[in-house]
């Protein structure tokens, strides 16, 4: 279940209003990502991952600033905002930050109950249990039989499943969703849903979760 267009619009409207008055640079960065929809935070993570040539999963300020610029959200962030956000994450003052920890800090706050539901949904999808959801994992979990393009013969089952995965993916759309990416996506959805009761209902209905 991806966020509906209505939910996305409500979130973008809400975020736009918050950006007008928010002064905390980390919150501004979070809001700037969420302007791009529920997958905005996950997309920034992907952007940083692509830049991580040596695979050490850390960023210096120059890389951090370039990633924000390349992702197209620098209009909402002044250079001072970017520097302050970096300094907040660089807690040991080393001049570098671990971008996995950074993404955790960037996620909108979520209750333990919401986080548990998201993890349950991912486990249901991840049939192989390897921490990555692929088209093969989705077979038998996500039913494409009512998909209009499957019904008219335009797409195969695999094409429908790949399109479903792409909903959760960001720029590079590699057909794989990790647990981290799934949580980052739903952190964005969660930010648009004020009611814990509604979020619980939405997740249980969408993924047919039991207790």
C-alpha atoms as a PDB file:
ATOM      1  CA  UNK A   1       0.000   0.000   0.000  1.00  0.00           C
ATOM      2  CA  UNK A   2       1.519   3.273  -1.088  1.00  0.00           C
ATOM      3  CA  UNK A   3       0.296   6.621   0.121  1.00  0.00           C
ATOM      4  CA  UNK A   4      -2.809   7.782  -1.743  1.00  0.00           C
ATOM      5  CA  UNK A   5      -2.740  10.952  -3.836  1.00  0.00           C
ATOM      6  CA  UNK A   6      -5.033  12.599  -1.309  1.00  0.00           C
ATOM      7  CA  UNK A   7      -2.752  11.671   1.603  1.00  0.00           C
ATOM      8  CA  UNK A   8       0.271  12.940  -0.321  1.00  0.00           C
ATOM      9  CA  UNK A   9      -1.433  16.256  -1.125  1.00  0.00           C
ATOM     10  CA  UNK A  10      -2.513  16.721   2.492  1.00  0.00           C
ATOM     11  CA  UNK A  11       1.050  16.100   3.641  1.00  0.00           C
ATOM     12  CA  UNK A  12       2.581  18.498   1.112  1.00  0.00           C
ATOM     13  CA  UNK A  13       0.082  21.229   2.081  1.00  0.00           C
ATOM     14  CA  UNK A  14       0.845  20.687   5.760  1.00  0.00           C
ATOM     15  CA  UNK A  15       4.613  20.680   5.185  1.00  0.00           C
ATOM     16  CA  UNK A  16       4.457  23.838   3.057  1.00  0.00           C
ATOM     17  CA  UNK A  17       2.784  25.687   5.929  1.00  0.00           C
ATOM     18  CA  UNK A  18       5.271  24.350   8.486  1.00  0.00           C
ATOM     19  CA  UNK A  19       8.263  25.435   6.379  1.00  0.00           C
ATOM     20  CA  UNK A  20       7.090  29.050   6.535  1.00  0.00           C
ATOM     21  CA  UNK A  21       7.706  29.249  10.288  1.00  0.00           C
ATOM     22  CA  UNK A  22      10.108  26.402  11.143  1.00  0.00           C
ATOM     23  CA  UNK A  23      13.592  27.546  12.195  1.00  0.00           C
ATOM     24  CA  UNK A  24      15.299  24.311  13.291  1.00  0.00           C
ATOM     25  CA  UNK A  25      17.585  23.303  10.363  1.00  0.00           C
ATOM     26  CA  UNK A  26      17.134  19.540  10.845  1.00  0.00           C
ATOM     27  CA  UNK A  27      13.363  19.912  10.879  1.00  0.00           C
ATOM     28  CA  UNK A  28      13.562  22.173   7.808  1.00  0.00           C
ATOM     29  CA  UNK A  29      15.611  19.516   6.006  1.00  0.00           C
ATOM     30  CA  UNK A  30      13.051  16.854   6.962  1.00  0.00           C
ATOM     31  CA  UNK A  31      10.210  19.055   5.714  1.00  0.00           C
ATOM     32  CA  UNK A  32      12.062  19.838   2.469  1.00  0.00           C
ATOM     33  CA  UNK A  33      12.348  16.079   1.814  1.00  0.00           C
ATOM     34  CA  UNK A  34       8.672  15.501   2.634  1.00  0.00           C
ATOM     35  CA  UNK A  35       7.699  18.170   0.083  1.00  0.00           C
ATOM     36  CA  UNK A  36       8.697  15.519  -2.452  1.00  0.00           C
ATOM     37  CA  UNK A  37       6.185  13.066  -1.011  1.00  0.00           C
ATOM     38  CA  UNK A  38       6.363  10.051   1.260  1.00  0.00           C
ATOM     39  CA  UNK A  39       9.483   8.711  -0.461  1.00  0.00           C
ATOM     40  CA  UNK A  40      11.362  12.019  -0.075  1.00  0.00           C
ATOM     41  CA  UNK A  41      13.556  10.981   2.859  1.00  0.00           C
ATOM     42  CA  UNK A  42      14.326   7.631   1.277  1.00  0.00           C
ATOM     43  CA  UNK A  43      15.220   9.420  -1.943  1.00  0.00           C
ATOM     44  CA  UNK A  44      17.781  11.624  -0.196  1.00  0.00           C
ATOM     45  CA  UNK A  45      19.280   8.480   1.321  1.00  0.00           C
ATOM     46  CA  UNK A  46      19.606   6.980  -2.157  1.00  0.00           C
ATOM     47  CA  UNK A  47      21.263  10.171  -3.398  1.00  0.00           C
ATOM     48  CA  UNK A  48      23.880   9.977  -0.626  1.00  0.00           C
ATOM     49  CA  UNK A  49      24.413   6.261  -1.270  1.00  0.00           C
ATOM     50  CA  UNK A  50      25.190   6.922  -4.943  1.00  0.00           C
ATOM     51  CA  UNK A  51      27.768   9.525  -3.891  1.00  0.00           C
ATOM     52  CA  UNK A  52      29.473   7.107  -1.491  1.00  0.00           C
ATOM     53  CA  UNK A  53      32.163   5.974  -3.934  1.00  0.00           C
ATOM     54  CA  UNK A  54      34.386   4.263  -1.363  1.00  0.00           C
ATOM     55  CA  UNK A  55      31.476   2.542   0.385  1.00  0.00           C
ATOM     56  CA  UNK A  56      32.375   3.797   3.870  1.00  0.00           C
ATOM     57  CA  UNK A  57      28.813   5.130   4.424  1.00  0.00           C
ATOM     58  CA  UNK A  58      30.070   8.450   5.758  1.00  0.00           C
ATOM     59  CA  UNK A  59      29.877  11.998   4.433  1.00  0.00           C
ATOM     60  CA  UNK A  60      31.937  15.119   4.957  1.00  0.00           C
ATOM     61  CA  UNK A  61      30.320  18.557   4.768  1.00  0.00           C
ATOM     62  CA  UNK A  62      31.186  19.081   1.100  1.00  0.00           C
ATOM     63  CA  UNK A  63      29.490  15.768   0.151  1.00  0.00           C
ATOM     64  CA  UNK A  64      26.559  16.491   2.462  1.00  0.00           C
ATOM     65  CA  UNK A  65      25.975  19.896   0.855  1.00  0.00           C
ATOM     66  CA  UNK A  66      26.369  18.493  -2.674  1.00  0.00           C
ATOM     67  CA  UNK A  67      23.860  15.699  -1.933  1.00  0.00           C
ATOM     68  CA  UNK A  68      21.252  18.190  -0.754  1.00  0.00           C
ATOM     69  CA  UNK A  69      21.882  20.342  -3.838  1.00  0.00           C
ATOM     70  CA  UNK A  70      21.798  17.372  -6.251  1.00  0.00           C
ATOM     71  CA  UNK A  71      18.541  16.156  -4.715  1.00  0.00           C
ATOM     72  CA  UNK A  72      16.996  19.530  -5.503  1.00  0.00           C
ATOM     73  CA  UNK A  73      16.038  20.713  -2.025  1.00  0.00           C
ATOM     74  CA  UNK A  74      18.650  23.434  -1.508  1.00  0.00           C
ATOM     75  CA  UNK A  75      16.032  26.124  -2.261  1.00  0.00           C
ATOM     76  CA  UNK A  76      14.441  25.385   1.113  1.00  0.00           C
ATOM     77  CA  UNK A  77      17.813  25.336   2.919  1.00  0.00           C
ATOM     78  CA  UNK A  78      20.273  28.207   3.256  1.00  0.00           C
ATOM     79  CA  UNK A  79      24.009  27.406   3.449  1.00  0.00           C
ATOM     80  CA  UNK A  80      23.823  28.242   7.157  1.00  0.00           C
ATOM     81  CA  UNK A  81      20.909  25.795   7.591  1.00  0.00           C
ATOM     82  CA  UNK A  82      22.872  23.045   5.845  1.00  0.00           C
ATOM     83  CA  UNK A  83      25.957  23.706   7.975  1.00  0.00           C
ATOM     84  CA  UNK A  84      23.942  23.700  11.195  1.00  0.00           C
ATOM     85  CA  UNK A  85      22.111  20.499  10.242  1.00  0.00           C
ATOM     86  CA  UNK A  86      25.474  18.857   9.512  1.00  0.00           C
ATOM     87  CA  UNK A  87      26.924  20.027  12.836  1.00  0.00           C
ATOM     88  CA  UNK A  88      23.916  18.623  14.720  1.00  0.00           C
ATOM     89  CA  UNK A  89      24.514  15.198  13.218  1.00  0.00           C
ATOM     90  CA  UNK A  90      28.311  15.330  13.586  1.00  0.00           C
ATOM     91  CA  UNK A  91      28.088  14.747  17.315  1.00  0.00           C
ATOM     92  CA  UNK A  92      31.731  13.778  17.827  1.00  0.00           C
ATOM     93  CA  UNK A  93      33.000  16.790  15.855  1.00  0.00           C
ATOM     94  CA  UNK A  94      34.999  14.572  13.475  1.00  0.00           C
ATOM     95  CA  UNK A  95      33.911  16.465  10.369  1.00  0.00           C
ATOM     96  CA  UNK A  96      32.109  13.419   8.983  1.00  0.00           C
ATOM     97  CA  UNK A  97      28.756  11.802   9.703  1.00  0.00           C
ATOM     98  CA  UNK A  98      27.399   8.293   9.306  1.00  0.00           C
ATOM     99  CA  UNK A  99      24.550   8.664   6.841  1.00  0.00           C
ATOM    100  CA  UNK A 100      22.581   5.724   8.229  1.00  0.00           C
ATOM    101  CA  UNK A 101      22.463   7.474  11.607  1.00  0.00           C
ATOM    102  CA  UNK A 102      21.693  10.737   9.821  1.00  0.00           C
ATOM    103  CA  UNK A 103      18.667   9.196   8.059  1.00  0.00           C
ATOM    104  CA  UNK A 104      17.375   7.836  11.369  1.00  0.00           C
ATOM    105  CA  UNK A 105      17.550  11.377  12.804  1.00  0.00           C
ATOM    106  CA  UNK A 106      15.899  12.782   9.695  1.00  0.00           C
ATOM    107  CA  UNK A 107      12.839  10.523   9.896  1.00  0.00           C
ATOM    108  CA  UNK A 108       9.732  12.136  11.386  1.00  0.00           C
ATOM    109  CA  UNK A 109       9.195  10.911  14.972  1.00  0.00           C
ATOM    110  CA  UNK A 110       7.124   7.718  15.084  1.00  0.00           C
ATOM    111  CA  UNK A 111       5.530   5.900  17.986  1.00  0.00           C
ATOM    112  CA  UNK A 112       6.761   2.391  18.812  1.00  0.00           C
ATOM    113  CA  UNK A 113       3.345   1.025  17.781  1.00  0.00           C
ATOM    114  CA  UNK A 114       3.629   2.557  14.290  1.00  0.00           C
ATOM    115  CA  UNK A 115       7.185   1.301  13.873  1.00  0.00           C
ATOM    116  CA  UNK A 116       6.100  -2.221  14.877  1.00  0.00           C
ATOM    117  CA  UNK A 117       3.317  -2.215  12.261  1.00  0.00           C
ATOM    118  CA  UNK A 118       5.734  -1.122   9.537  1.00  0.00           C
ATOM    119  CA  UNK A 119       8.195  -3.864  10.479  1.00  0.00           C
ATOM    120  CA  UNK A 120       5.390  -6.473  10.462  1.00  0.00           C
ATOM    121  CA  UNK A 121       4.330  -5.384   6.965  1.00  0.00           C
ATOM    122  CA  UNK A 122       7.911  -5.645   5.688  1.00  0.00           C
ATOM    123  CA  UNK A 123       8.358  -9.124   7.195  1.00  0.00           C
ATOM    124  CA  UNK A 124       5.174 -10.267   5.470  1.00  0.00           C
ATOM    125  CA  UNK A 125       6.519  -9.059   2.121  1.00  0.00           C
ATOM    126  CA  UNK A 126      10.047 -10.386   2.664  1.00  0.00           C
ATOM    127  CA  UNK A 127       9.204 -14.066   2.156  1.00  0.00           C
ATOM    128  CA  UNK A 128      12.848 -15.072   1.724  1.00  0.00           C
ATOM    129  CA  UNK A 129      13.798 -13.340   4.989  1.00  0.00           C
ATOM    130  CA  UNK A 130      16.956 -11.816   3.506  1.00  0.00           C
ATOM    131  CA  UNK A 131      16.025  -8.214   4.347  1.00  0.00           C
ATOM    132  CA  UNK A 132      15.315  -7.247   0.719  1.00  0.00           C
ATOM    133  CA  UNK A 133      11.933  -7.367  -1.048  1.00  0.00           C
ATOM    134  CA  UNK A 134      12.012  -8.312  -4.744  1.00  0.00           C
ATOM    135  CA  UNK A 135       9.434  -9.271  -7.372  1.00  0.00           C
ATOM    136  CA  UNK A 136       9.850 -12.935  -6.361  1.00  0.00           C
ATOM    137  CA  UNK A 137       8.981 -12.077  -2.737  1.00  0.00           C
ATOM    138  CA  UNK A 138       5.789 -10.325  -3.845  1.00  0.00           C
ATOM    139  CA  UNK A 139       4.382 -13.303  -5.735  1.00  0.00           C
ATOM    140  CA  UNK A 140       1.562 -14.759  -3.677  1.00  0.00           C
ATOM    141  CA  UNK A 141       1.561 -11.765  -1.327  1.00  0.00           C
ATOM    142  CA  UNK A 142       0.410  -9.023  -3.705  1.00  0.00           C
ATOM    143  CA  UNK A 143      -2.395 -10.053  -6.064  1.00  0.00           C
ATOM    144  CA  UNK A 144      -2.186  -8.444  -9.514  1.00  0.00           C
ATOM    145  CA  UNK A 145      -5.312 -10.132 -10.920  1.00  0.00           C
ATOM    146  CA  UNK A 146      -7.374  -6.928 -10.659  1.00  0.00           C
ATOM    147  CA  UNK A 147      -4.659  -4.631 -12.001  1.00  0.00           C
ATOM    148  CA  UNK A 148      -6.161  -2.951 -15.128  1.00  0.00           C
ATOM    149  CA  UNK A 149      -3.030  -3.496 -17.230  1.00  0.00           C
ATOM    150  CA  UNK A 150      -2.928  -7.173 -16.248  1.00  0.00           C
ATOM    151  CA  UNK A 151      -6.612  -7.559 -17.113  1.00  0.00           C
ATOM    152  CA  UNK A 152      -6.194  -6.037 -20.576  1.00  0.00           C
ATOM    153  CA  UNK A 153      -3.067  -8.102 -21.273  1.00  0.00           C
ATOM    154  CA  UNK A 154      -0.747  -5.103 -21.543  1.00  0.00           C
ATOM    155  CA  UNK A 155       1.447  -6.158 -18.599  1.00  0.00           C
ATOM    156  CA  UNK A 156       2.612  -9.520 -17.251  1.00  0.00           C
ATOM    157  CA  UNK A 157       2.422 -10.386 -13.541  1.00  0.00           C
ATOM    158  CA  UNK A 158       6.123  -9.529 -13.138  1.00  0.00           C
ATOM    159  CA  UNK A 159       5.609  -6.088 -14.737  1.00  0.00           C
ATOM    160  CA  UNK A 160       2.717  -5.334 -12.382  1.00  0.00           C
ATOM    161  CA  UNK A 161       4.773  -6.410  -9.377  1.00  0.00           C
ATOM    162  CA  UNK A 162       7.755  -4.334 -10.522  1.00  0.00           C
ATOM    163  CA  UNK A 163       5.501  -1.276 -10.851  1.00  0.00           C
ATOM    164  CA  UNK A 164       4.269  -1.898  -7.308  1.00  0.00           C
ATOM    165  CA  UNK A 165       7.868  -1.994  -6.027  1.00  0.00           C
ATOM    166  CA  UNK A 166       8.670   1.213  -7.932  1.00  0.00           C
ATOM    167  CA  UNK A 167       5.990   2.992  -5.888  1.00  0.00           C
ATOM    168  CA  UNK A 168       8.218   2.611  -2.840  1.00  0.00           C
ATOM    169  CA  UNK A 169      11.443   3.227  -4.711  1.00  0.00           C
ATOM    170  CA  UNK A 170      12.986   6.594  -5.489  1.00  0.00           C
ATOM    171  CA  UNK A 171      15.243   7.787  -8.281  1.00  0.00           C
ATOM    172  CA  UNK A 172      17.205   4.715  -9.377  1.00  0.00           C
ATOM    173  CA  UNK A 173      14.299   2.209  -9.157  1.00  0.00           C
ATOM    174  CA  UNK A 174      16.383  -0.963  -8.920  1.00  0.00           C
ATOM    175  CA  UNK A 175      13.419  -3.250  -8.203  1.00  0.00           C
ATOM    176  CA  UNK A 176      14.589  -3.962  -4.655  1.00  0.00           C
ATOM    177  CA  UNK A 177      13.359  -2.491  -1.379  1.00  0.00           C
ATOM    178  CA  UNK A 178      15.389  -2.861   1.814  1.00  0.00           C
ATOM    179  CA  UNK A 179      13.924  -2.750   5.308  1.00  0.00           C
ATOM    180  CA  UNK A 180      15.537   0.671   5.807  1.00  0.00           C
ATOM    181  CA  UNK A 181      13.958   2.048   2.617  1.00  0.00           C
ATOM    182  CA  UNK A 182      10.555   0.635   3.565  1.00  0.00           C
ATOM    183  CA  UNK A 183      10.722   2.271   7.011  1.00  0.00           C
ATOM    184  CA  UNK A 184      11.918   5.569   5.507  1.00  0.00           C
ATOM    185  CA  UNK A 185       8.986   5.501   3.071  1.00  0.00           C
ATOM    186  CA  UNK A 186       6.416   4.820   5.785  1.00  0.00           C
ATOM    187  CA  UNK A 187       7.986   7.417   8.049  1.00  0.00           C
ATOM    188  CA  UNK A 188       6.886   9.852   5.336  1.00  0.00           C
ATOM    189  CA  UNK A 189       3.383   8.363   5.212  1.00  0.00           C
ATOM    190  CA  UNK A 190       3.220   8.457   9.016  1.00  0.00           C
ATOM    191  CA  UNK A 191       4.035  12.175   8.981  1.00  0.00           C
ATOM    192  CA  UNK A 192       0.829  12.797   7.027  1.00  0.00           C
ATOM    193  CA  UNK A 193      -1.418  10.786   9.383  1.00  0.00           C
ATOM    194  CA  UNK A 194      -2.097  12.419  12.754  1.00  0.00           C
ATOM    195  CA  UNK A 195      -4.240   9.651  14.227  1.00  0.00           C
ATOM    196  CA  UNK A 196      -2.519   6.504  15.549  1.00  0.00           C
ATOM    197  CA  UNK A 197      -5.837   4.667  15.281  1.00  0.00           C
ATOM    198  CA  UNK A 198      -6.194   5.551  11.575  1.00  0.00           C
ATOM    199  CA  UNK A 199      -2.563   4.647  10.824  1.00  0.00           C
ATOM    200  CA  UNK A 200      -3.077   1.275  12.541  1.00  0.00           C
ATOM    201  CA  UNK A 201      -6.268   0.621  10.561  1.00  0.00           C
ATOM    202  CA  UNK A 202      -4.693   1.726   7.280  1.00  0.00           C
ATOM    203  CA  UNK A 203      -1.674  -0.574   7.696  1.00  0.00           C
ATOM    204  CA  UNK A 204      -3.694  -3.594   8.849  1.00  0.00           C
ATOM    205  CA  UNK A 205      -6.158  -3.303   5.970  1.00  0.00           C
ATOM    206  CA  UNK A 206      -3.505  -2.664   3.357  1.00  0.00           C
ATOM    207  CA  UNK A 207      -1.226  -5.540   4.355  1.00  0.00           C
ATOM    208  CA  UNK A 208      -3.863  -7.830   5.937  1.00  0.00           C
ATOM    209  CA  UNK A 209      -1.966  -7.831   9.209  1.00  0.00           C
ATOM    210  CA  UNK A 210      -3.376  -9.696  12.178  1.00  0.00           C
ATOM    211  CA  UNK A 211      -2.284  -9.131  15.795  1.00  0.00           C
END
